[in-house]
N, C-alpha and C. Protein backbone atom coordinates (compact mmCIF):
# COMPACT_ATOMS: atom_id res chain seq x y z
N MET A 1 0.85 -1.17 0.00
CA MET A 1 0.00 0.00 0.00
C MET A 1 0.90 1.24 0.00
N ILE A 2 0.63 2.17 -0.89
CA ILE A 2 1.40 3.40 -1.00
C ILE A 2 0.58 4.55 -0.40
N ILE A 3 1.20 5.27 0.56
CA ILE A 3 0.52 6.39 1.22
C ILE A 3 1.49 7.56 1.39
N MET A 4 0.94 8.73 1.68
CA MET A 4 1.74 9.91 2.03
C MET A 4 1.71 9.99 3.55
N SER A 5 2.87 10.01 4.20
CA SER A 5 2.91 10.00 5.65
C SER A 5 4.19 10.66 6.16
N ILE A 6 4.22 10.84 7.48
CA ILE A 6 5.42 11.34 8.16
C ILE A 6 6.33 10.14 8.42
N VAL A 7 7.60 10.32 8.10
CA VAL A 7 8.59 9.25 8.25
C VAL A 7 9.83 9.83 8.90
N MET A 8 10.39 9.11 9.88
CA MET A 8 11.70 9.48 10.41
C MET A 8 12.74 8.75 9.57
N ILE A 9 13.68 9.51 9.03
CA ILE A 9 14.68 8.95 8.13
C ILE A 9 16.07 9.16 8.72
N LEU A 10 16.88 8.11 8.72
CA LEU A 10 18.29 8.22 9.08
C LEU A 10 19.07 8.32 7.78
N TYR A 11 19.73 9.46 7.59
CA TYR A 11 20.56 9.67 6.42
C TYR A 11 22.01 9.35 6.76
N LEU A 12 22.66 8.60 5.89
CA LEU A 12 24.07 8.28 6.04
C LEU A 12 24.77 8.68 4.75
N GLY A 13 25.64 9.65 4.82
CA GLY A 13 26.33 10.14 3.64
C GLY A 13 25.39 10.73 2.61
N GLY A 14 24.26 11.31 3.06
CA GLY A 14 23.31 11.95 2.16
C GLY A 14 22.25 11.02 1.59
N SER A 15 22.39 9.71 1.82
CA SER A 15 21.40 8.74 1.32
C SER A 15 20.59 8.18 2.47
N PRO A 16 19.27 7.97 2.27
CA PRO A 16 18.45 7.38 3.34
C PRO A 16 18.86 5.94 3.62
N LEU A 17 19.11 5.64 4.89
CA LEU A 17 19.54 4.30 5.27
C LEU A 17 18.40 3.53 5.94
N GLU A 18 17.71 4.17 6.89
CA GLU A 18 16.60 3.55 7.61
C GLU A 18 15.44 4.53 7.66
N TYR A 19 14.21 3.99 7.75
CA TYR A 19 13.03 4.85 7.86
C TYR A 19 12.00 4.19 8.73
N THR A 20 11.25 5.03 9.48
CA THR A 20 10.23 4.56 10.41
C THR A 20 8.96 5.36 10.20
N TYR A 21 7.82 4.67 10.06
CA TYR A 21 6.51 5.28 9.86
C TYR A 21 6.02 5.91 11.16
N HIS A 22 5.36 7.09 11.05
CA HIS A 22 4.75 7.75 12.20
C HIS A 22 3.37 8.27 11.82
N GLU A 23 2.45 8.27 12.78
CA GLU A 23 1.08 8.76 12.56
C GLU A 23 1.06 10.27 12.32
N GLY A 24 1.97 11.00 12.95
CA GLY A 24 1.99 12.45 12.82
C GLY A 24 3.36 13.01 13.13
N ILE A 25 3.51 14.30 12.88
CA ILE A 25 4.80 14.95 13.09
C ILE A 25 5.19 14.97 14.57
N SER A 26 4.20 15.09 15.47
CA SER A 26 4.54 15.17 16.90
C SER A 26 5.16 13.87 17.40
N SER A 27 4.66 12.72 16.97
CA SER A 27 5.25 11.45 17.43
C SER A 27 6.65 11.26 16.84
N CYS A 28 6.86 11.73 15.62
CA CYS A 28 8.18 11.63 15.00
C CYS A 28 9.20 12.50 15.74
N LEU A 29 8.81 13.75 16.02
CA LEU A 29 9.72 14.66 16.73
C LEU A 29 9.99 14.18 18.15
N LYS A 30 8.99 13.58 18.79
CA LYS A 30 9.17 13.04 20.14
C LYS A 30 10.22 11.93 20.12
N GLN A 31 10.12 11.01 19.15
CA GLN A 31 11.10 9.94 19.06
C GLN A 31 12.49 10.49 18.75
N LYS A 32 12.56 11.50 17.90
CA LYS A 32 13.85 12.11 17.58
C LYS A 32 14.49 12.73 18.82
N ARG A 33 13.68 13.43 19.65
CA ARG A 33 14.20 14.01 20.90
C ARG A 33 14.70 12.92 21.84
N GLU A 34 13.98 11.80 21.93
CA GLU A 34 14.40 10.69 22.79
C GLU A 34 15.73 10.11 22.32
N ILE A 35 15.90 9.98 21.02
CA ILE A 35 17.17 9.48 20.47
C ILE A 35 18.31 10.44 20.82
N GLU A 36 18.05 11.74 20.71
CA GLU A 36 19.07 12.74 21.04
C GLU A 36 19.43 12.69 22.52
N ARG A 37 18.43 12.45 23.40
CA ARG A 37 18.70 12.35 24.84
C ARG A 37 19.58 11.14 25.17
N LEU A 38 19.49 10.10 24.35
CA LEU A 38 20.31 8.90 24.56
C LEU A 38 21.73 9.08 24.03
N GLY A 39 22.03 10.26 23.47
CA GLY A 39 23.40 10.54 23.08
C GLY A 39 23.64 10.72 21.59
N TRP A 40 22.62 10.56 20.75
CA TRP A 40 22.82 10.74 19.31
C TRP A 40 23.11 12.20 19.00
N LYS A 41 24.10 12.44 18.18
CA LYS A 41 24.42 13.78 17.71
C LYS A 41 24.49 13.74 16.18
N ASP A 42 23.74 14.64 15.52
CA ASP A 42 23.85 14.75 14.07
C ASP A 42 25.25 15.21 13.71
N ARG A 43 25.80 14.62 12.68
CA ARG A 43 27.11 15.03 12.16
C ARG A 43 26.93 15.36 10.68
N LYS A 44 27.98 15.82 10.04
CA LYS A 44 27.81 16.22 8.64
C LYS A 44 27.52 15.03 7.72
N ASP A 45 27.88 13.79 8.12
CA ASP A 45 27.61 12.64 7.25
C ASP A 45 26.43 11.79 7.72
N THR A 46 25.91 12.00 8.93
CA THR A 46 24.74 11.26 9.42
C THR A 46 23.79 12.20 10.15
N ARG A 47 22.46 11.98 9.94
CA ARG A 47 21.47 12.80 10.63
C ARG A 47 20.11 12.12 10.58
N TYR A 48 19.27 12.43 11.56
CA TYR A 48 17.87 12.01 11.57
C TYR A 48 17.02 13.18 11.11
N SER A 49 15.94 12.87 10.37
CA SER A 49 15.05 13.90 9.87
C SER A 49 13.62 13.38 9.85
N CYS A 50 12.64 14.22 10.26
CA CYS A 50 11.23 13.89 10.16
C CYS A 50 10.69 14.59 8.91
N GLU A 51 10.16 13.81 7.97
CA GLU A 51 9.72 14.35 6.69
C GLU A 51 8.40 13.76 6.26
N LYS A 52 7.64 14.52 5.48
CA LYS A 52 6.41 14.02 4.87
C LYS A 52 6.81 13.45 3.52
N ARG A 53 6.66 12.13 3.36
CA ARG A 53 7.10 11.45 2.14
C ARG A 53 6.07 10.44 1.70
N LYS A 54 6.14 10.07 0.44
CA LYS A 54 5.31 8.99 -0.10
C LYS A 54 6.07 7.69 0.15
N ILE A 55 5.40 6.74 0.83
CA ILE A 55 6.06 5.49 1.21
C ILE A 55 5.21 4.29 0.82
N GLU A 56 5.85 3.13 0.75
CA GLU A 56 5.13 1.88 0.56
C GLU A 56 5.20 1.09 1.86
N LEU A 57 4.02 0.76 2.41
CA LEU A 57 3.94 -0.01 3.65
C LEU A 57 3.75 -1.49 3.33
N GLU A 58 4.30 -2.34 4.19
CA GLU A 58 4.08 -3.77 4.09
C GLU A 58 2.62 -4.06 4.40
N SER A 59 2.01 -4.92 3.64
CA SER A 59 0.59 -5.24 3.77
C SER A 59 0.26 -5.72 5.18
N GLY A 60 -0.72 -5.05 5.83
CA GLY A 60 -1.18 -5.46 7.15
C GLY A 60 -0.31 -5.00 8.31
N THR A 61 0.76 -4.26 8.04
CA THR A 61 1.65 -3.79 9.12
C THR A 61 1.96 -2.31 8.91
N GLU A 62 2.78 -1.76 9.80
CA GLU A 62 3.25 -0.39 9.66
C GLU A 62 4.73 -0.36 9.30
N ASN A 63 5.24 -1.46 8.74
CA ASN A 63 6.64 -1.53 8.32
C ASN A 63 6.81 -0.85 6.97
N VAL A 64 7.76 0.07 6.88
CA VAL A 64 8.03 0.78 5.64
C VAL A 64 8.92 -0.10 4.76
N LEU A 65 8.42 -0.40 3.57
CA LEU A 65 9.22 -1.20 2.63
C LEU A 65 10.21 -0.33 1.86
N ARG A 66 9.71 0.85 1.42
CA ARG A 66 10.60 1.74 0.66
C ARG A 66 10.00 3.13 0.57
N LEU A 67 10.86 4.10 0.28
CA LEU A 67 10.44 5.45 -0.03
C LEU A 67 10.10 5.48 -1.51
N VAL A 68 8.92 6.00 -1.86
CA VAL A 68 8.50 5.98 -3.26
C VAL A 68 9.11 7.12 -4.05
N ASP A 69 9.18 8.32 -3.48
CA ASP A 69 9.76 9.45 -4.22
C ASP A 69 11.06 9.89 -3.64
């Protein structure tokens, strides 16, 4: 299923490496703050970002298979 949604994306060297589906921007930003409290620091080659993107979800789950655009 392809939908437009908020996704937290981990960029490594400018390319998306991992992505996580979120119901809204507030839950994405909350998770990002929690990651930062655990010691994550964005660097020039790695960063987390909350973005509205078109994604493909695995059927019957909230697992992101891929970014469509």
